[in-house]
Amino acid sequence: GIGLAAVQAFTAAGARVIFGDINVAAGEKAAAECKATFVPLDVTSDAAVARFRDAAYASADNVDVLVNVAGWSKIEAFVNTTPDLWQKLIDLNYTGTLRVVHVFLPKMIARAEGKIVNVASDAGRAGSGGEAVYAGSKGAVIAFTKSLARETARYKLNVNCVCPGPTDTPLLASIPDKQREALMRAIPFRRFAQPSDVADAILFFASDRASYLTGQVLSVSGGLTMQD
């Protein structure tokens, strides 16, 4: 969903894109359609993340923009969840971002140049019923973004965060119809975000127009979450 839209937006803007996904068939298809480079990637695996980094630097001398989009959720009341599910959600949604940033950060610091855009969720800002652990993991991404922005400002890195609201992706399609309808009625614009809406926000943070922005959190929610 959002990852594919981001690849499309960046390639359309003229960027050279190297991207990873756990779904190899979909990744290869997207690479062919977008004229981008695909490398299989499981962000929950240290070894896979290291291989992705090595492949990226083998293909390009520098990484100018690093975008973390991988995410997953399961709608279920917290009382019915298990520690195994907690760990899966945290490992993918939060620790996965840490892994990817950690392996690319040294060279970005050495160059004193680069932009990092983390995709969290408005669930991490406002909470989300049935997604307590998911919301917690995305809240952690927001806090990590702000902290990293403070640490790396001296190296002229920009680190920002995009928080999508309900977005028309396969994940949203898995929610029961009545819940989706109620959610749409709560959105002032009365529609779900399209993946391209979120990709536009990612592209903005990656552009020179955001060169004086760091540690910022931008909601893309159609007005659903209006927060300071």
Protein backbone atom coordinates (compact mmCIF):
# COMPACT_ATOMS: atom_id res chain seq x y z
CA GLY A 1 0.00 0.00 0.00
CA ILE A 2 1.91 2.99 1.32
CA GLY A 3 5.31 1.49 0.49
CA LEU A 4 4.39 0.96 -3.15
CA ALA A 5 2.96 4.48 -3.38
CA ALA A 6 6.20 5.85 -1.94
CA VAL A 7 8.28 4.00 -4.52
CA GLN A 8 6.04 5.35 -7.27
CA ALA A 9 6.22 8.93 -5.94
CA PHE A 10 10.00 8.94 -5.57
CA THR A 11 10.67 7.42 -8.99
CA ALA A 12 8.22 9.89 -10.57
CA ALA A 13 10.19 12.70 -8.89
CA GLY A 14 13.38 11.43 -10.51
CA ALA A 15 14.94 9.63 -7.57
CA ARG A 16 16.91 6.44 -7.88
CA VAL A 17 15.02 4.05 -5.59
CA ILE A 18 16.24 0.91 -3.86
CA PHE A 19 13.52 -0.70 -1.81
CA GLY A 20 12.88 -3.86 0.16
CA ASP A 21 9.89 -5.96 1.10
CA ILE A 22 9.22 -9.37 2.58
CA ASN A 23 6.86 -10.17 -0.32
CA VAL A 24 9.31 -11.04 -3.08
CA ALA A 25 6.77 -11.52 -5.89
CA ALA A 26 5.11 -8.16 -5.21
CA GLY A 27 8.49 -6.47 -4.82
CA GLU A 28 9.78 -7.74 -8.14
CA LYS A 29 6.56 -6.69 -9.86
CA ALA A 30 6.76 -3.19 -8.39
CA ALA A 31 10.42 -2.88 -9.36
CA ALA A 32 9.65 -3.72 -12.98
CA GLU A 33 6.73 -1.30 -13.14
CA CYS A 34 8.53 1.58 -11.40
CA LYS A 35 12.03 1.00 -12.80
CA ALA A 36 13.40 0.70 -9.27
CA THR A 37 15.75 -1.79 -7.61
CA PHE A 38 14.21 -4.42 -5.34
CA VAL A 39 16.05 -6.34 -2.62
CA PRO A 40 14.22 -8.90 -0.45
CA LEU A 41 13.97 -7.55 3.10
CA ASP A 42 12.59 -8.76 6.41
CA VAL A 43 13.02 -5.90 8.88
CA THR A 44 12.70 -8.30 11.82
CA SER A 45 15.97 -9.99 10.83
CA ASP A 46 19.35 -8.42 11.61
CA ALA A 47 20.99 -10.45 8.85
CA ALA A 48 18.40 -9.47 6.25
CA VAL A 49 18.71 -5.78 7.14
CA ALA A 50 22.51 -5.99 6.85
CA ARG A 51 22.19 -7.65 3.42
CA PHE A 52 19.81 -4.92 2.32
CA ARG A 53 22.27 -2.21 3.42
CA ASP A 54 25.13 -3.93 1.59
CA ALA A 55 23.05 -4.26 -1.57
CA ALA A 56 22.06 -0.59 -1.39
CA TYR A 57 25.66 0.60 -1.09
CA ALA A 58 26.76 -1.80 -3.81
CA SER A 59 24.23 -0.14 -6.09
CA ALA A 60 24.76 3.48 -5.04
CA ASP A 61 27.62 5.36 -3.40
CA ASN A 62 25.36 7.27 -1.03
CA VAL A 63 21.91 6.98 0.51
CA ASP A 64 20.41 10.47 0.49
CA VAL A 65 16.98 9.55 1.83
CA LEU A 66 16.00 6.66 4.08
CA VAL A 67 12.28 5.88 4.44
CA ASN A 68 10.85 3.32 6.87
CA VAL A 69 7.38 2.18 5.86
CA ALA A 70 7.03 -1.44 7.00
CA GLY A 71 4.13 -2.00 9.38
CA TRP A 72 1.43 -4.44 10.41
CA SER A 73 -1.46 -4.64 12.83
CA LYS A 74 -4.16 -7.02 14.05
CA ILE A 75 -7.46 -5.76 15.44
CA GLU A 76 -8.10 -7.43 18.78
CA ALA A 77 -8.94 -6.31 22.31
CA PHE A 78 -5.77 -6.14 24.39
CA VAL A 79 -7.20 -8.51 27.02
CA ASN A 80 -7.36 -11.23 24.35
CA THR A 81 -3.84 -10.76 23.00
CA THR A 82 -0.77 -12.84 23.78
CA PRO A 83 2.89 -12.05 24.46
CA ASP A 84 3.76 -13.69 21.13
CA LEU A 85 1.55 -11.18 19.31
CA TRP A 86 3.00 -8.29 21.33
CA GLN A 87 6.50 -9.28 20.31
CA LYS A 88 5.56 -9.65 16.64
CA LEU A 89 3.98 -6.19 16.58
CA ILE A 90 6.86 -4.53 18.41
CA ASP A 91 9.54 -6.29 16.37
CA LEU A 92 8.02 -5.29 13.04
CA ASN A 93 6.62 -1.84 13.78
CA TYR A 94 9.26 -0.46 16.14
CA THR A 95 12.42 -2.57 16.33
CA GLY A 96 12.39 -2.99 12.55
CA THR A 97 12.74 0.76 12.17
CA LEU A 98 15.58 0.80 14.70
CA ARG A 99 17.42 -1.94 12.79
CA VAL A 100 17.19 -0.20 9.43
CA VAL A 101 18.16 3.24 10.72
CA HIS A 102 21.03 1.83 12.77
CA VAL A 103 22.79 0.24 9.78
CA PHE A 104 22.47 3.27 7.50
CA LEU A 105 23.12 6.01 10.04
CA PRO A 106 26.95 5.84 10.29
CA LYS A 107 27.56 6.78 6.66
CA MET A 108 24.88 9.47 6.74
CA ILE A 109 26.56 10.98 9.80
CA ALA A 110 29.98 10.75 8.15
CA ARG A 111 28.65 12.64 5.12
CA ALA A 112 26.81 15.15 7.33
CA GLU A 113 23.94 14.99 4.89
CA GLY A 114 20.72 13.05 4.52
CA LYS A 115 17.06 12.73 5.37
CA ILE A 116 15.26 10.04 7.33
CA VAL A 117 11.49 9.70 7.18
CA ASN A 118 9.78 7.25 9.52
CA VAL A 119 6.17 6.27 8.91
CA ALA A 120 4.35 5.73 12.19
CA SER A 121 0.56 6.07 12.61
CA ASP A 122 -1.96 8.41 14.16
CA ALA A 123 -2.74 5.44 16.39
CA GLY A 124 0.56 6.30 18.07
CA ARG A 125 -0.62 9.87 18.72
CA ALA A 126 -4.28 9.39 19.64
CA GLY A 127 -4.62 5.68 20.47
CA SER A 128 -6.75 3.13 18.65
CA GLY A 129 -9.24 0.70 20.13
CA GLY A 130 -8.31 -2.88 19.35
CA GLU A 131 -4.74 -1.88 18.54
CA ALA A 132 -3.21 -1.09 21.92
CA VAL A 133 0.16 -2.74 21.26
CA TYR A 134 0.29 -1.51 17.67
CA ALA A 135 -0.42 2.03 18.86
CA GLY A 136 2.28 1.67 21.50
CA SER A 137 4.83 0.52 18.92
CA LYS A 138 3.99 3.44 16.63
CA GLY A 139 4.13 5.85 19.54
CA ALA A 140 7.63 4.53 20.13
CA VAL A 141 8.54 5.32 16.51
CA ILE A 142 7.37 8.90 17.06
CA ALA A 143 9.48 9.27 20.21
CA PHE A 144 12.46 7.66 18.49
CA THR A 145 12.14 10.08 15.57
CA LYS A 146 12.20 13.11 17.86
CA SER A 147 15.13 11.78 19.90
CA LEU A 148 17.17 10.87 16.82
CA ALA A 149 16.46 14.30 15.34
CA ARG A 150 18.01 15.90 18.43
CA GLU A 151 21.04 13.62 18.28
CA THR A 152 21.75 14.10 14.58
CA ALA A 153 20.96 17.77 14.02
CA ARG A 154 24.65 18.57 14.59
CA TYR A 155 25.38 16.40 11.53
CA LYS A 156 22.80 18.28 9.43
CA LEU A 157 20.46 15.29 9.16
CA ASN A 158 16.72 15.80 8.93
CA VAL A 159 14.65 13.19 10.78
CA ASN A 160 10.87 13.46 10.56
CA CYS A 161 7.78 11.33 10.92
CA VAL A 162 4.60 10.86 8.89
CA CYS A 163 1.54 9.56 10.74
CA PRO A 164 -1.15 8.18 8.44
CA GLY A 165 -4.72 7.97 9.60
CA PRO A 166 -7.00 5.24 8.17
CA THR A 167 -5.61 4.51 4.71
CA ASP A 168 -7.12 2.48 1.88
CA THR A 169 -4.74 -0.49 2.02
CA PRO A 170 -5.22 -4.27 2.25
CA LEU A 171 -4.88 -3.93 6.03
CA LEU A 172 -7.88 -1.60 6.19
CA ALA A 173 -9.84 -3.91 3.91
CA SER A 174 -9.50 -6.66 6.52
CA ILE A 175 -11.55 -4.67 9.06
CA PRO A 176 -15.28 -5.57 9.32
CA ASP A 177 -17.55 -3.43 7.13
CA LYS A 178 -19.46 -1.82 10.02
CA GLN A 179 -16.22 -0.75 11.68
CA ARG A 180 -14.90 0.71 8.41
CA GLU A 181 -18.12 2.64 7.84
CA ALA A 182 -18.07 4.08 11.35
CA LEU A 183 -14.45 5.07 10.90
CA MET A 184 -15.16 6.85 7.64
CA ARG A 185 -18.03 8.81 9.21
CA ALA A 186 -15.61 10.09 11.86
CA ILE A 187 -13.26 11.56 9.23
CA PRO A 188 -14.14 15.19 8.41
CA PHE A 189 -13.27 14.67 4.73
CA ARG A 190 -15.51 11.56 4.70
CA ARG A 191 -13.00 9.41 2.89
CA PHE A 192 -10.03 7.25 3.73
CA ALA A 193 -6.57 8.39 2.74
CA GLN A 194 -5.17 6.96 -0.44
CA PRO A 195 -1.63 5.58 -0.22
CA SER A 196 -0.57 8.39 -2.56
CA ASP A 197 -1.74 10.98 0.00
CA VAL A 198 0.72 9.54 2.51
CA ALA A 199 3.46 9.19 -0.11
CA ASP A 200 3.15 12.90 -0.90
CA ALA A 201 3.86 13.74 2.75
CA ILE A 202 6.87 11.41 2.76
CA LEU A 203 8.18 13.03 -0.41
CA PHE A 204 7.77 16.48 1.12
CA PHE A 205 9.94 15.58 4.14
CA ALA A 206 12.52 14.10 1.75
CA SER A 207 12.66 17.24 -0.37
CA ASP A 208 14.68 20.44 -0.10
CA ARG A 209 11.45 22.22 0.85
CA ALA A 210 11.73 20.54 4.26
CA SER A 211 15.41 21.35 4.76
CA TYR A 212 14.75 23.34 7.95
CA LEU A 213 12.40 20.76 9.48
CA THR A 214 13.51 18.05 11.88
CA GLY A 215 11.82 16.15 14.69
CA GLN A 216 8.40 16.94 13.24
CA VAL A 217 5.31 14.73 13.12
CA LEU A 218 2.82 15.22 10.29
CA SER A 219 -0.61 13.60 10.44
CA VAL A 220 -2.25 12.60 7.16
CA SER A 221 -5.72 11.77 8.42
CA GLY A 222 -8.30 13.93 6.66
CA GLY A 223 -8.80 15.86 9.89
CA LEU A 224 -9.60 12.80 12.02
CA THR A 225 -6.87 13.65 14.52
CA MET A 226 -6.42 17.36 15.07
CA GLN A 227 -3.71 17.57 17.70
CA ASP A 228 -0.94 19.93 18.71
